[in-house]
Amino acid sequence: MVVYGVALLAASMLIGMVAGDALGALLGVQANVGGVGIAMLLLLVLANISRERFALNPATESGVKFWAAMYIPIVIAMAAKQNVVAAVSSGWLAVIAGVGAVVVSFALIPVFTRLAGRRERDPS
């Protein structure tokens, strides 16, 4: 059932936003710091735990998988657009830092792929 996936998505987003606001207040910044990322990680963890620990019927599991997959392209894209607008208006250092983070992330994809391949071949 898709409803369970929506509920899991909503709970993850709510917890992530509260945690991001709390982290921002803790750091002395009047902004949400990492709330979308926290929500994404929480959603991925909860979706995987629900699949492994609970015996979900196929329709429920399908709904959870669907919304876990839809979260990343929709919500992250919206957050990224806001971050790009803020970075461009803040100056070149923010833009260079953002581009650098993307380049490093792309460079690490082969490393993580090799590590995942080793894990699949040798479970110990």
PDB file of N, CA and C in Angstrom:
ATOM      1  N   MET A   1       0.842  -1.178   0.000  1.00  0.00           N
ATOM      2  CA  MET A   1       0.000   0.000   0.000  1.00  0.00           C
ATOM      3  C   MET A   1       0.880   1.232   0.000  1.00  0.00           C
ATOM      4  N   VAL A   2       0.590   2.114  -0.907  1.00  0.00           N
ATOM      5  CA  VAL A   2       1.365   3.328  -1.080  1.00  0.00           C
ATOM      6  C   VAL A   2       1.238   4.236   0.138  1.00  0.00           C
ATOM      7  N   VAL A   3       0.147   4.122   0.878  1.00  0.00           N
ATOM      8  CA  VAL A   3      -0.088   4.989   2.032  1.00  0.00           C
ATOM      9  C   VAL A   3       1.012   4.817   3.073  1.00  0.00           C
ATOM     10  N   TYR A   4       1.479   3.590   3.293  1.00  0.00           N
ATOM     11  CA  TYR A   4       2.543   3.376   4.269  1.00  0.00           C
ATOM     12  C   TYR A   4       3.843   4.040   3.819  1.00  0.00           C
ATOM     13  N   GLY A   5       4.097   4.021   2.537  1.00  0.00           N
ATOM     14  CA  GLY A   5       5.278   4.706   2.020  1.00  0.00           C
ATOM     15  C   GLY A   5       5.185   6.204   2.210  1.00  0.00           C
ATOM     16  N   VAL A   6       3.995   6.760   2.006  1.00  0.00           N
ATOM     17  CA  VAL A   6       3.792   8.199   2.208  1.00  0.00           C
ATOM     18  C   VAL A   6       3.959   8.542   3.681  1.00  0.00           C
ATOM     19  N   ALA A   7       3.430   7.702   4.555  1.00  0.00           N
ATOM     20  CA  ALA A   7       3.565   7.940   6.000  1.00  0.00           C
ATOM     21  C   ALA A   7       5.031   7.899   6.419  1.00  0.00           C
ATOM     22  N   LEU A   8       5.782   6.949   5.893  1.00  0.00           N
ATOM     23  CA  LEU A   8       7.200   6.851   6.203  1.00  0.00           C
ATOM     24  C   LEU A   8       7.954   8.074   5.683  1.00  0.00           C
ATOM     25  N   LEU A   9       7.614   8.517   4.485  1.00  0.00           N
ATOM     26  CA  LEU A   9       8.225   9.707   3.909  1.00  0.00           C
ATOM     27  C   LEU A   9       7.906  10.939   4.741  1.00  0.00           C
ATOM     28  N   ALA A  10       6.652  11.097   5.137  1.00  0.00           N
ATOM     29  CA  ALA A  10       6.248  12.263   5.929  1.00  0.00           C
ATOM     30  C   ALA A  10       6.934  12.270   7.290  1.00  0.00           C
ATOM     31  N   ALA A  11       6.992  11.121   7.938  1.00  0.00           N
ATOM     32  CA  ALA A  11       7.652  11.050   9.247  1.00  0.00           C
ATOM     33  C   ALA A  11       9.143  11.364   9.123  1.00  0.00           C
ATOM     34  N   SER A  12       9.783  10.841   8.092  1.00  0.00           N
ATOM     35  CA  SER A  12      11.206  11.112   7.882  1.00  0.00           C
ATOM     36  C   SER A  12      11.444  12.595   7.621  1.00  0.00           C
ATOM     37  N   MET A  13      10.594  13.192   6.802  1.00  0.00           N
ATOM     38  CA  MET A  13      10.752  14.611   6.481  1.00  0.00           C
ATOM     39  C   MET A  13      10.530  15.475   7.716  1.00  0.00           C
ATOM     40  N   LEU A  14       9.522  15.155   8.512  1.00  0.00           N
ATOM     41  CA  LEU A  14       9.242  15.922   9.718  1.00  0.00           C
ATOM     42  C   LEU A  14      10.393  15.823  10.712  1.00  0.00           C
ATOM     43  N   ILE A  15      10.881  14.622  10.951  1.00  0.00           N
ATOM     44  CA  ILE A  15      12.001  14.437  11.875  1.00  0.00           C
ATOM     45  C   ILE A  15      13.261  15.126  11.346  1.00  0.00           C
ATOM     46  N   GLY A  16      13.497  15.033  10.047  1.00  0.00           N
ATOM     47  CA  GLY A  16      14.663  15.687   9.452  1.00  0.00           C
ATOM     48  C   GLY A  16      14.605  17.200   9.559  1.00  0.00           C
ATOM     49  N   MET A  17      13.426  17.775   9.344  1.00  0.00           N
ATOM     50  CA  MET A  17      13.289  19.233   9.450  1.00  0.00           C
ATOM     51  C   MET A  17      13.491  19.707  10.889  1.00  0.00           C
ATOM     52  N   VAL A  18      12.927  18.980  11.842  1.00  0.00           N
ATOM     53  CA  VAL A  18      13.104  19.344  13.250  1.00  0.00           C
ATOM     54  C   VAL A  18      14.576  19.214  13.645  1.00  0.00           C
ATOM     55  N   ALA A  19      15.217  18.124  13.229  1.00  0.00           N
ATOM     56  CA  ALA A  19      16.632  17.924  13.543  1.00  0.00           C
ATOM     57  C   ALA A  19      17.503  18.993  12.872  1.00  0.00           C
ATOM     58  N   GLY A  20      17.182  19.365  11.640  1.00  0.00           N
ATOM     59  CA  GLY A  20      17.938  20.408  10.945  1.00  0.00           C
ATOM     60  C   GLY A  20      17.783  21.768  11.599  1.00  0.00           C
ATOM     61  N   ASP A  21      16.572  22.091  12.043  1.00  0.00           N
ATOM     62  CA  ASP A  21      16.354  23.349  12.756  1.00  0.00           C
ATOM     63  C   ASP A  21      17.098  23.353  14.092  1.00  0.00           C
ATOM     64  N   ALA A  22      17.064  22.222  14.793  1.00  0.00           N
ATOM     65  CA  ALA A  22      17.776  22.116  16.067  1.00  0.00           C
ATOM     66  C   ALA A  22      19.283  22.237  15.866  1.00  0.00           C
ATOM     67  N   LEU A  23      19.792  21.610  14.820  1.00  0.00           N
ATOM     68  CA  LEU A  23      21.221  21.707  14.524  1.00  0.00           C
ATOM     69  C   LEU A  23      21.607  23.133  14.163  1.00  0.00           C
ATOM     70  N   GLY A  24      20.755  23.808  13.404  1.00  0.00           N
ATOM     71  CA  GLY A  24      21.010  25.203  13.076  1.00  0.00           C
ATOM     72  C   GLY A  24      21.027  26.090  14.319  1.00  0.00           C
ATOM     73  N   ALA A  25      20.081  25.874  15.238  1.00  0.00           N
ATOM     74  CA  ALA A  25      20.050  26.650  16.482  1.00  0.00           C
ATOM     75  C   ALA A  25      21.274  26.346  17.337  1.00  0.00           C
ATOM     76  N   LEU A  26      21.701  25.085  17.360  1.00  0.00           N
ATOM     77  CA  LEU A  26      22.871  24.686  18.129  1.00  0.00           C
ATOM     78  C   LEU A  26      24.137  25.356  17.595  1.00  0.00           C
ATOM     79  N   LEU A  27      24.202  25.508  16.269  1.00  0.00           N
ATOM     80  CA  LEU A  27      25.362  26.145  15.642  1.00  0.00           C
ATOM     81  C   LEU A  27      25.271  27.669  15.624  1.00  0.00           C
ATOM     82  N   GLY A  28      24.126  28.199  16.037  1.00  0.00           N
ATOM     83  CA  GLY A  28      23.946  29.647  16.050  1.00  0.00           C
ATOM     84  C   GLY A  28      23.586  30.226  14.699  1.00  0.00           C
ATOM     85  N   VAL A  29      23.044  29.418  13.819  1.00  0.00           N
ATOM     86  CA  VAL A  29      22.644  29.853  12.494  1.00  0.00           C
ATOM     87  C   VAL A  29      21.124  29.852  12.434  1.00  0.00           C
ATOM     88  N   GLN A  30      20.550  30.873  11.860  1.00  0.00           N
ATOM     89  CA  GLN A  30      19.098  30.932  11.759  1.00  0.00           C
ATOM     90  C   GLN A  30      18.636  30.268  10.461  1.00  0.00           C
ATOM     91  N   ALA A  31      18.944  28.987  10.350  1.00  0.00           N
ATOM     92  CA  ALA A  31      18.581  28.237   9.143  1.00  0.00           C
ATOM     93  C   ALA A  31      18.495  26.762   9.491  1.00  0.00           C
ATOM     94  N   ASN A  32      17.871  26.027   8.589  1.00  0.00           N
ATOM     95  CA  ASN A  32      17.799  24.583   8.711  1.00  0.00           C
ATOM     96  C   ASN A  32      19.104  24.024   8.155  1.00  0.00           C
ATOM     97  N   VAL A  33      19.870  23.356   8.995  1.00  0.00           N
ATOM     98  CA  VAL A  33      21.179  22.850   8.594  1.00  0.00           C
ATOM     99  C   VAL A  33      21.089  21.339   8.400  1.00  0.00           C
ATOM    100  N   GLY A  34      21.008  20.908   7.164  1.00  0.00           N
ATOM    101  CA  GLY A  34      21.047  19.493   6.847  1.00  0.00           C
ATOM    102  C   GLY A  34      19.759  18.734   7.076  1.00  0.00           C
ATOM    103  N   GLY A  35      18.645  19.409   7.218  1.00  0.00           N
ATOM    104  CA  GLY A  35      17.376  18.726   7.478  1.00  0.00           C
ATOM    105  C   GLY A  35      16.954  17.790   6.368  1.00  0.00           C
ATOM    106  N   VAL A  36      17.140  18.204   5.129  1.00  0.00           N
ATOM    107  CA  VAL A  36      16.759  17.363   3.995  1.00  0.00           C
ATOM    108  C   VAL A  36      17.661  16.134   3.923  1.00  0.00           C
ATOM    109  N   GLY A  37      18.938  16.308   4.162  1.00  0.00           N
ATOM    110  CA  GLY A  37      19.859  15.181   4.163  1.00  0.00           C
ATOM    111  C   GLY A  37      19.575  14.207   5.296  1.00  0.00           C
ATOM    112  N   ILE A  38      19.279  14.739   6.480  1.00  0.00           N
ATOM    113  CA  ILE A  38      18.928  13.886   7.617  1.00  0.00           C
ATOM    114  C   ILE A  38      17.666  13.094   7.288  1.00  0.00           C
ATOM    115  N   ALA A  39      16.684  13.761   6.704  1.00  0.00           N
ATOM    116  CA  ALA A  39      15.435  13.087   6.334  1.00  0.00           C
ATOM    117  C   ALA A  39      15.683  11.992   5.304  1.00  0.00           C
ATOM    118  N   MET A  40      16.553  12.267   4.334  1.00  0.00           N
ATOM    119  CA  MET A  40      16.846  11.269   3.303  1.00  0.00           C
ATOM    120  C   MET A  40      17.516  10.047   3.914  1.00  0.00           C
ATOM    121  N   LEU A  41      18.510  10.261   4.757  1.00  0.00           N
ATOM    122  CA  LEU A  41      19.188   9.137   5.389  1.00  0.00           C
ATOM    123  C   LEU A  41      18.236   8.350   6.290  1.00  0.00           C
ATOM    124  N   LEU A  42      17.401   9.063   7.031  1.00  0.00           N
ATOM    125  CA  LEU A  42      16.434   8.399   7.898  1.00  0.00           C
ATOM    126  C   LEU A  42      15.452   7.561   7.079  1.00  0.00           C
ATOM    127  N   LEU A  43      14.985   8.100   5.957  1.00  0.00           N
ATOM    128  CA  LEU A  43      14.062   7.363   5.099  1.00  0.00           C
ATOM    129  C   LEU A  43      14.715   6.099   4.548  1.00  0.00           C
ATOM    130  N   LEU A  44      15.954   6.201   4.111  1.00  0.00           N
ATOM    131  CA  LEU A  44      16.645   5.027   3.584  1.00  0.00           C
ATOM    132  C   LEU A  44      16.849   3.974   4.662  1.00  0.00           C
ATOM    133  N   VAL A  45      17.228   4.402   5.854  1.00  0.00           N
ATOM    134  CA  VAL A  45      17.426   3.450   6.948  1.00  0.00           C
ATOM    135  C   VAL A  45      16.107   2.786   7.328  1.00  0.00           C
ATOM    136  N   LEU A  46      15.050   3.588   7.488  1.00  0.00           N
ATOM    137  CA  LEU A  46      13.755   3.024   7.876  1.00  0.00           C
ATOM    138  C   LEU A  46      13.191   2.099   6.799  1.00  0.00           C
ATOM    139  N   ALA A  47      13.379   2.448   5.544  1.00  0.00           N
ATOM    140  CA  ALA A  47      12.879   1.597   4.468  1.00  0.00           C
ATOM    141  C   ALA A  47      13.607   0.250   4.461  1.00  0.00           C
ATOM    142  N   ASN A  48      14.912   0.268   4.698  1.00  0.00           N
ATOM    143  CA  ASN A  48      15.666  -0.983   4.725  1.00  0.00           C
ATOM    144  C   ASN A  48      15.361  -1.803   5.972  1.00  0.00           C
ATOM    145  N   ILE A  49      15.179  -1.141   7.119  1.00  0.00           N
ATOM    146  CA  ILE A  49      14.832  -1.867   8.343  1.00  0.00           C
ATOM    147  C   ILE A  49      13.464  -2.511   8.191  1.00  0.00           C
ATOM    148  N   SER A  50      12.516  -1.780   7.622  1.00  0.00           N
ATOM    149  CA  SER A  50      11.173  -2.330   7.487  1.00  0.00           C
ATOM    150  C   SER A  50      11.164  -3.556   6.576  1.00  0.00           C
ATOM    151  N   ARG A  51      12.029  -3.557   5.583  1.00  0.00           N
ATOM    152  CA  ARG A  51      12.078  -4.699   4.659  1.00  0.00           C
ATOM    153  C   ARG A  51      12.725  -5.911   5.320  1.00  0.00           C
ATOM    154  N   GLU A  52      13.742  -5.672   6.165  1.00  0.00           N
ATOM    155  CA  GLU A  52      14.475  -6.781   6.766  1.00  0.00           C
ATOM    156  C   GLU A  52      13.802  -7.335   8.015  1.00  0.00           C
ATOM    157  N   ARG A  53      13.250  -6.466   8.856  1.00  0.00           N
ATOM    158  CA  ARG A  53      12.748  -6.911  10.163  1.00  0.00           C
ATOM    159  C   ARG A  53      11.268  -7.239  10.190  1.00  0.00           C
ATOM    160  N   PHE A  54      10.512  -6.611   9.324  1.00  0.00           N
ATOM    161  CA  PHE A  54       9.068  -6.819   9.346  1.00  0.00           C
ATOM    162  C   PHE A  54       8.651  -7.587   8.103  1.00  0.00           C
ATOM    163  N   ALA A  55       7.700  -8.458   8.274  1.00  0.00           N
ATOM    164  CA  ALA A  55       7.178  -9.216   7.142  1.00  0.00           C
ATOM    165  C   ALA A  55       6.083  -8.390   6.478  1.00  0.00           C
ATOM    166  N   LEU A  56       6.471  -7.587   5.498  1.00  0.00           N
ATOM    167  CA  LEU A  56       5.510  -6.731   4.809  1.00  0.00           C
ATOM    168  C   LEU A  56       4.918  -7.482   3.624  1.00  0.00           C
ATOM    169  N   ASN A  57       3.641  -7.245   3.390  1.00  0.00           N
ATOM    170  CA  ASN A  57       3.060  -7.860   2.199  1.00  0.00           C
ATOM    171  C   ASN A  57       3.599  -7.131   0.965  1.00  0.00           C
ATOM    172  N   PRO A  58       3.538  -7.739  -0.195  1.00  0.00           N
ATOM    173  CA  PRO A  58       4.154  -7.151  -1.396  1.00  0.00           C
ATOM    174  C   PRO A  58       3.630  -5.753  -1.745  1.00  0.00           C
ATOM    175  N   ALA A  59       2.348  -5.488  -1.524  1.00  0.00           N
ATOM    176  CA  ALA A  59       1.810  -4.164  -1.845  1.00  0.00           C
ATOM    177  C   ALA A  59       2.401  -3.094  -0.932  1.00  0.00           C
ATOM    178  N   THR A  60       2.538  -3.394   0.355  1.00  0.00           N
ATOM    179  CA  THR A  60       3.118  -2.438   1.299  1.00  0.00           C
ATOM    180  C   THR A  60       4.584  -2.210   0.986  1.00  0.00           C
ATOM    181  N   GLU A  61       5.306  -3.283   0.730  1.00  0.00           N
ATOM    182  CA  GLU A  61       6.723  -3.150   0.396  1.00  0.00           C
ATOM    183  C   GLU A  61       6.907  -2.339  -0.882  1.00  0.00           C
ATOM    184  N   SER A  62       6.020  -2.528  -1.837  1.00  0.00           N
ATOM    185  CA  SER A  62       6.076  -1.761  -3.078  1.00  0.00           C
ATOM    186  C   SER A  62       5.864  -0.274  -2.816  1.00  0.00           C
ATOM    187  N   GLY A  63       4.923   0.063  -1.946  1.00  0.00           N
ATOM    188  CA  GLY A  63       4.681   1.473  -1.612  1.00  0.00           C
ATOM    189  C   GLY A  63       5.855   2.112  -0.915  1.00  0.00           C
ATOM    190  N   VAL A  64       6.477   1.382   0.017  1.00  0.00           N
ATOM    191  CA  VAL A  64       7.646   1.916   0.728  1.00  0.00           C
ATOM    192  C   VAL A  64       8.803   2.119  -0.244  1.00  0.00           C
ATOM    193  N   LYS A  65       9.039   1.150  -1.117  1.00  0.00           N
ATOM    194  CA  LYS A  65      10.123   1.272  -2.105  1.00  0.00           C
ATOM    195  C   LYS A  65       9.868   2.443  -3.062  1.00  0.00           C
ATOM    196  N   PHE A  66       8.611   2.604  -3.489  1.00  0.00           N
ATOM    197  CA  PHE A  66       8.280   3.671  -4.427  1.00  0.00           C
ATOM    198  C   PHE A  66       8.597   5.036  -3.836  1.00  0.00           C
ATOM    199  N   TRP A  67       8.129   5.306  -2.620  1.00  0.00           N
ATOM    200  CA  TRP A  67       8.347   6.624  -2.040  1.00  0.00           C
ATOM    201  C   TRP A  67       9.778   6.838  -1.603  1.00  0.00           C
ATOM    202  N   ALA A  68      10.476   5.771  -1.215  1.00  0.00           N
ATOM    203  CA  ALA A  68      11.897   5.916  -0.908  1.00  0.00           C
ATOM    204  C   ALA A  68      12.667   6.295  -2.173  1.00  0.00           C
ATOM    205  N   ALA A  69      12.268   5.735  -3.306  1.00  0.00           N
ATOM    206  CA  ALA A  69      12.928   6.065  -4.568  1.00  0.00           C
ATOM    207  C   ALA A  69      12.540   7.456  -5.066  1.00  0.00           C
ATOM    208  N   MET A  70      11.306   7.875  -4.834  1.00  0.00           N
ATOM    209  CA  MET A  70      10.846   9.179  -5.313  1.00  0.00           C
ATOM    210  C   MET A  70      11.385  10.337  -4.480  1.00  0.00           C
ATOM    211  N   TYR A  71      11.756  10.083  -3.248  1.00  0.00           N
ATOM    212  CA  TYR A  71      12.227  11.154  -2.362  1.00  0.00           C
ATOM    213  C   TYR A  71      13.463  11.831  -2.923  1.00  0.00           C
ATOM    214  N   ILE A  72      14.396  11.038  -3.360  1.00  0.00           N
ATOM    215  CA  ILE A  72      15.679  11.587  -3.780  1.00  0.00           C
ATOM    216  C   ILE A  72      15.534  12.535  -4.969  1.00  0.00           C
ATOM    217  N   PRO A  73      14.930  12.142  -6.086  1.00  0.00           N
ATOM    218  CA  PRO A  73      14.891  13.086  -7.205  1.00  0.00           C
ATOM    219  C   PRO A  73      14.004  14.300  -6.981  1.00  0.00           C
ATOM    220  N   ILE A  74      12.962  14.184  -6.192  1.00  0.00           N
ATOM    221  CA  ILE A  74      12.042  15.316  -6.035  1.00  0.00           C
ATOM    222  C   ILE A  74      12.515  16.286  -4.960  1.00  0.00           C
ATOM    223  N   VAL A  75      12.630  15.815  -3.737  1.00  0.00           N
ATOM    224  CA  VAL A  75      12.937  16.704  -2.624  1.00  0.00           C
ATOM    225  C   VAL A  75      14.372  17.205  -2.685  1.00  0.00           C
ATOM    226  N   ILE A  76      15.297  16.351  -3.013  1.00  0.00           N
ATOM    227  CA  ILE A  76      16.686  16.782  -3.100  1.00  0.00           C
ATOM    228  C   ILE A  76      16.872  17.801  -4.224  1.00  0.00           C
ATOM    229  N   ALA A  77      16.174  17.625  -5.334  1.00  0.00           N
ATOM    230  CA  ALA A  77      16.271  18.600  -6.423  1.00  0.00           C
ATOM    231  C   ALA A  77      15.727  19.959  -5.991  1.00  0.00           C
ATOM    232  N   MET A  78      14.642  19.964  -5.230  1.00  0.00           N
ATOM    233  CA  MET A  78      14.103  21.245  -4.751  1.00  0.00           C
ATOM    234  C   MET A  78      15.076  21.920  -3.792  1.00  0.00           C
ATOM    235  N   ALA A  79      15.666  21.146  -2.890  1.00  0.00           N
ATOM    236  CA  ALA A  79      16.628  21.707  -1.945  1.00  0.00           C
ATOM    237  C   ALA A  79      17.884  22.180  -2.668  1.00  0.00           C
ATOM    238  N   ALA A  80      18.316  21.442  -3.669  1.00  0.00           N
ATOM    239  CA  ALA A  80      19.511  21.823  -4.419  1.00  0.00           C
ATOM    240  C   ALA A  80      19.293  23.134  -5.159  1.00  0.00           C
ATOM    241  N   LYS A  81      18.091  23.335  -5.692  1.00  0.00           N
ATOM    242  CA  LYS A  81      17.804  24.590  -6.396  1.00  0.00           C
ATOM    243  C   LYS A  81      17.922  25.765  -5.446  1.00  0.00           C
ATOM    244  N   GLN A  82      17.409  25.634  -4.241  1.00  0.00           N
ATOM    245  CA  GLN A  82      17.510  26.709  -3.264  1.00  0.00           C
ATOM    246  C   GLN A  82      18.967  26.959  -2.891  1.00  0.00           C
ATOM    247  N   ASN A  83      19.743  25.871  -2.739  1.00  0.00           N
ATOM    248  CA  ASN A  83      21.143  26.020  -2.375  1.00  0.00           C
ATOM    249  C   ASN A  83      21.942  26.701  -3.478  1.00  0.00           C
ATOM    250  N   VAL A  84      21.641  26.400  -4.732  1.00  0.00           N
ATOM    251  CA  VAL A  84      22.355  27.024  -5.846  1.00  0.00           C
ATOM    252  C   VAL A  84      22.044  28.512  -5.915  1.00  0.00           C
ATOM    253  N   VAL A  85      20.792  28.880  -5.744  1.00  0.00           N
ATOM    254  CA  VAL A  85      20.424  30.300  -5.768  1.00  0.00           C
ATOM    255  C   VAL A  85      21.134  31.046  -4.648  1.00  0.00           C
ATOM    256  N   ALA A  86      21.169  30.460  -3.448  1.00  0.00           N
ATOM    257  CA  ALA A  86      21.852  31.105  -2.318  1.00  0.00           C
ATOM    258  C   ALA A  86      23.355  31.179  -2.563  1.00  0.00           C
ATOM    259  N   ALA A  87      23.935  30.130  -3.142  1.00  0.00           N
ATOM    260  CA  ALA A  87      25.379  30.117  -3.375  1.00  0.00           C
ATOM    261  C   ALA A  87      25.782  31.149  -4.418  1.00  0.00           C
ATOM    262  N   VAL A  88      25.032  31.242  -5.498  1.00  0.00           N
ATOM    263  CA  VAL A  88      25.373  32.204  -6.553  1.00  0.00           C
ATOM    264  C   VAL A  88      25.266  33.630  -6.033  1.00  0.00           C
ATOM    265  N   SER A  89      24.270  33.892  -5.208  1.00  0.00           N
ATOM    266  CA  SER A  89      24.117  35.249  -4.674  1.00  0.00           C
ATOM    267  C   SER A  89      25.109  35.546  -3.555  1.00  0.00           C
ATOM    268  N   SER A  90      25.778  34.527  -3.006  1.00  0.00           N
ATOM    269  CA  SER A  90      26.717  34.729  -1.899  1.00  0.00           C
ATOM    270  C   SER A  90      28.138  35.007  -2.368  1.00  0.00           C
ATOM    271  N   GLY A  91      28.456  34.689  -3.589  1.00  0.00           N
ATOM    272  CA  GLY A  91      29.801  34.969  -4.078  1.00  0.00           C
ATOM    273  C   GLY A  91      30.472  33.737  -4.649  1.00  0.00           C
ATOM    274  N   TRP A  92      31.686  33.940  -5.158  1.00  0.00           N
ATOM    275  CA  TRP A  92      32.392  32.888  -5.873  1.00  0.00           C
ATOM    276  C   TRP A  92      32.897  31.783  -4.965  1.00  0.00           C
ATOM    277  N   LEU A  93      33.231  32.072  -3.718  1.00  0.00           N
ATOM    278  CA  LEU A  93      33.759  31.041  -2.840  1.00  0.00           C
ATOM    279  C   LEU A  93      32.726  29.945  -2.600  1.00  0.00           C
ATOM    280  N   ALA A  94      31.463  30.332  -2.416  1.00  0.00           N
ATOM    281  CA  ALA A  94      30.405  29.341  -2.214  1.00  0.00           C
ATOM    282  C   ALA A  94      30.205  28.497  -3.471  1.00  0.00           C
ATOM    283  N   VAL A  95      30.280  29.124  -4.627  1.00  0.00           N
ATOM    284  CA  VAL A  95      30.120  28.390  -5.887  1.00  0.00           C
ATOM    285  C   VAL A  95      31.283  27.408  -6.080  1.00  0.00           C
ATOM    286  N   ILE A  96      32.499  27.851  -5.814  1.00  0.00           N
ATOM    287  CA  ILE A  96      33.671  26.978  -5.962  1.00  0.00           C
ATOM    288  C   ILE A  96      33.590  25.811  -4.974  1.00  0.00           C
ATOM    289  N   ALA A  97      33.169  26.072  -3.748  1.00  0.00           N
ATOM    290  CA  ALA A  97      33.032  24.997  -2.754  1.00  0.00           C
ATOM    291  C   ALA A  97      31.975  23.982  -3.198  1.00  0.00           C
ATOM    292  N   GLY A  98      30.877  24.450  -3.754  1.00  0.00           N
ATOM    293  CA  GLY A  98      29.833  23.550  -4.229  1.00  0.00           C
ATOM    294  C   GLY A  98      30.291  22.700  -5.391  1.00  0.00           C
ATOM    295  N   VAL A  99      30.963  23.323  -6.345  1.00  0.00           N
ATOM    296  CA  VAL A  99      31.481  22.578  -7.498  1.00  0.00           C
ATOM    297  C   VAL A  99      32.535  21.577  -7.042  1.00  0.00           C
ATOM    298  N   GLY A 100      33.375  21.973  -6.094  1.00  0.00           N
ATOM    299  CA  GLY A 100      34.390  21.059  -5.564  1.00  0.00           C
ATOM    300  C   GLY A 100      33.774  19.842  -4.892  1.00  0.00           C
ATOM    301  N   ALA A 101      32.711  20.056  -4.139  1.00  0.00           N
ATOM    302  CA  ALA A 101      32.036  18.930  -3.475  1.00  0.00           C
ATOM    303  C   ALA A 101      31.440  17.970  -4.499  1.00  0.00           C
ATOM    304  N   VAL A 102      30.883  18.500  -5.570  1.00  0.00           N
ATOM    305  CA  VAL A 102      30.316  17.642  -6.616  1.00  0.00           C
ATOM    306  C   VAL A 102      31.414  16.851  -7.318  1.00  0.00           C
ATOM    307  N   VAL A 103      32.530  17.491  -7.621  1.00  0.00           N
ATOM    308  CA  VAL A 103      33.638  16.807  -8.295  1.00  0.00           C
ATOM    309  C   VAL A 103      34.187  15.687  -7.417  1.00  0.00           C
ATOM    310  N   VAL A 104      34.363  15.954  -6.121  1.00  0.00           N
ATOM    311  CA  VAL A 104      34.859  14.926  -5.207  1.00  0.00           C
ATOM    312  C   VAL A 104      33.858  13.771  -5.112  1.00  0.00           C
ATOM    313  N   SER A 105      32.571  14.090  -5.055  1.00  0.00           N
ATOM    314  CA  SER A 105      31.543  13.040  -4.997  1.00  0.00           C
ATOM    315  C   SER A 105      31.587  12.154  -6.237  1.00  0.00           C
ATOM    316  N   PHE A 106      31.693  12.768  -7.405  1.00  0.00           N
ATOM    317  CA  PHE A 106      31.775  11.982  -8.640  1.00  0.00           C
ATOM    318  C   PHE A 106      33.050  11.145  -8.676  1.00  0.00           C
ATOM    319  N   ALA A 107      34.147  11.678  -8.152  1.00  0.00           N
ATOM    320  CA  ALA A 107      35.408  10.944  -8.151  1.00  0.00           C
ATOM    321  C   ALA A 107      35.351   9.736  -7.225  1.00  0.00           C
ATOM    322  N   LEU A 108      34.525   9.774  -6.187  1.00  0.00           N
ATOM    323  CA  LEU A 108      34.434   8.666  -5.237  1.00  0.00           C
ATOM    324  C   LEU A 108      33.496   7.549  -5.692  1.00  0.00           C
ATOM    325  N   ILE A 109      32.724   7.763  -6.733  1.00  0.00           N
ATOM    326  CA  ILE A 109      31.796   6.726  -7.209  1.00  0.00           C
ATOM    327  C   ILE A 109      32.538   5.445  -7.585  1.00  0.00           C
ATOM    328  N   PRO A 110      33.639   5.483  -8.359  1.00  0.00           N
ATOM    329  CA  PRO A 110      34.344   4.228  -8.672  1.00  0.00           C
ATOM    330  C   PRO A 110      34.901   3.529  -7.427  1.00  0.00           C
ATOM    331  N   VAL A 111      35.333   4.316  -6.447  1.00  0.00           N
ATOM    332  CA  VAL A 111      35.863   3.720  -5.216  1.00  0.00           C
ATOM    333  C   VAL A 111      34.768   2.941  -4.498  1.00  0.00           C
ATOM    334  N   PHE A 112      33.603   3.542  -4.346  1.00  0.00           N
ATOM    335  CA  PHE A 112      32.493   2.865  -3.677  1.00  0.00           C
ATOM    336  C   PHE A 112      31.993   1.677  -4.485  1.00  0.00           C
ATOM    337  N   THR A 113      32.037   1.779  -5.798  1.00  0.00           N
ATOM    338  CA  THR A 113      31.618   0.660  -6.646  1.00  0.00           C
ATOM    339  C   THR A 113      32.545  -0.528  -6.458  1.00  0.00           C
ATOM    340  N   ARG A 114      33.861  -0.277  -6.411  1.00  0.00           N
ATOM    341  CA  ARG A 114      34.803  -1.364  -6.181  1.00  0.00           C
ATOM    342  C   ARG A 114      34.617  -1.987  -4.808  1.00  0.00           C
ATOM    343  N   LEU A 115      34.389  -1.153  -3.787  1.00  0.00           N
ATOM    344  CA  LEU A 115      34.167  -1.682  -2.439  1.00  0.00           C
ATOM    345  C   LEU A 115      32.902  -2.526  -2.374  1.00  0.00           C
ATOM    346  N   ALA A 116      31.853  -2.095  -3.040  1.00  0.00           N
ATOM    347  CA  ALA A 116      30.606  -2.876  -3.065  1.00  0.00           C
ATOM    348  C   ALA A 116      30.811  -4.181  -3.826  1.00  0.00           C
ATOM    349  N   GLY A 117      31.593  -4.169  -4.889  1.00  0.00           N
ATOM    350  CA  GLY A 117      31.876  -5.386  -5.647  1.00  0.00           C
ATOM    351  C   GLY A 117      32.647  -6.400  -4.830  1.00  0.00           C
ATOM    352  N   ARG A 118      33.597  -5.924  -4.032  1.00  0.00           N
ATOM    353  CA  ARG A 118      34.349  -6.832  -3.165  1.00  0.00           C
ATOM    354  C   ARG A 118      33.442  -7.463  -2.125  1.00  0.00           C
ATOM    355  N   ARG A 119      32.535  -6.693  -1.585  1.00  0.00           N
ATOM    356  CA  ARG A 119      31.632  -7.203  -0.559  1.00  0.00           C
ATOM    357  C   ARG A 119      30.715  -8.284  -1.120  1.00  0.00           C
ATOM    358  N   GLU A 120      30.282  -8.119  -2.362  1.00  0.00           N
ATOM    359  CA  GLU A 120      29.409  -9.109  -2.975  1.00  0.00           C
ATOM    360  C   GLU A 120      30.149 -10.409  -3.265  1.00  0.00           C
ATOM    361  N   ARG A 121      31.424 -10.320  -3.655  1.00  0.00           N
ATOM    362  CA  ARG A 121      32.193 -11.524  -3.963  1.00  0.00           C
ATOM    363  C   ARG A 121      32.666 -12.241  -2.705  1.00  0.00           C
ATOM    364  N   ASP A 122      33.070 -11.459  -1.687  1.00  0.00           N
ATOM    365  CA  ASP A 122      33.617 -12.041  -0.459  1.00  0.00           C
ATOM    366  C   ASP A 122      32.804 -11.537   0.732  1.00  0.00           C
ATOM    367  N   PRO A 123      31.820 -12.324   1.196  1.00  0.00           N
ATOM    368  CA  PRO A 123      30.964 -11.841   2.268  1.00  0.00           C
ATOM    369  C   PRO A 123      31.655 -11.680   3.611  1.00  0.00           C
ATOM    370  N   SER A 124      32.841 -12.209   3.784  1.00  0.00           N
ATOM    371  CA  SER A 124      33.527 -12.086   5.085  1.00  0.00           C
ATOM    372  C   SER A 124      34.347 -10.886   5.111  1.00  0.00           C
TER     373      SER A 124
END
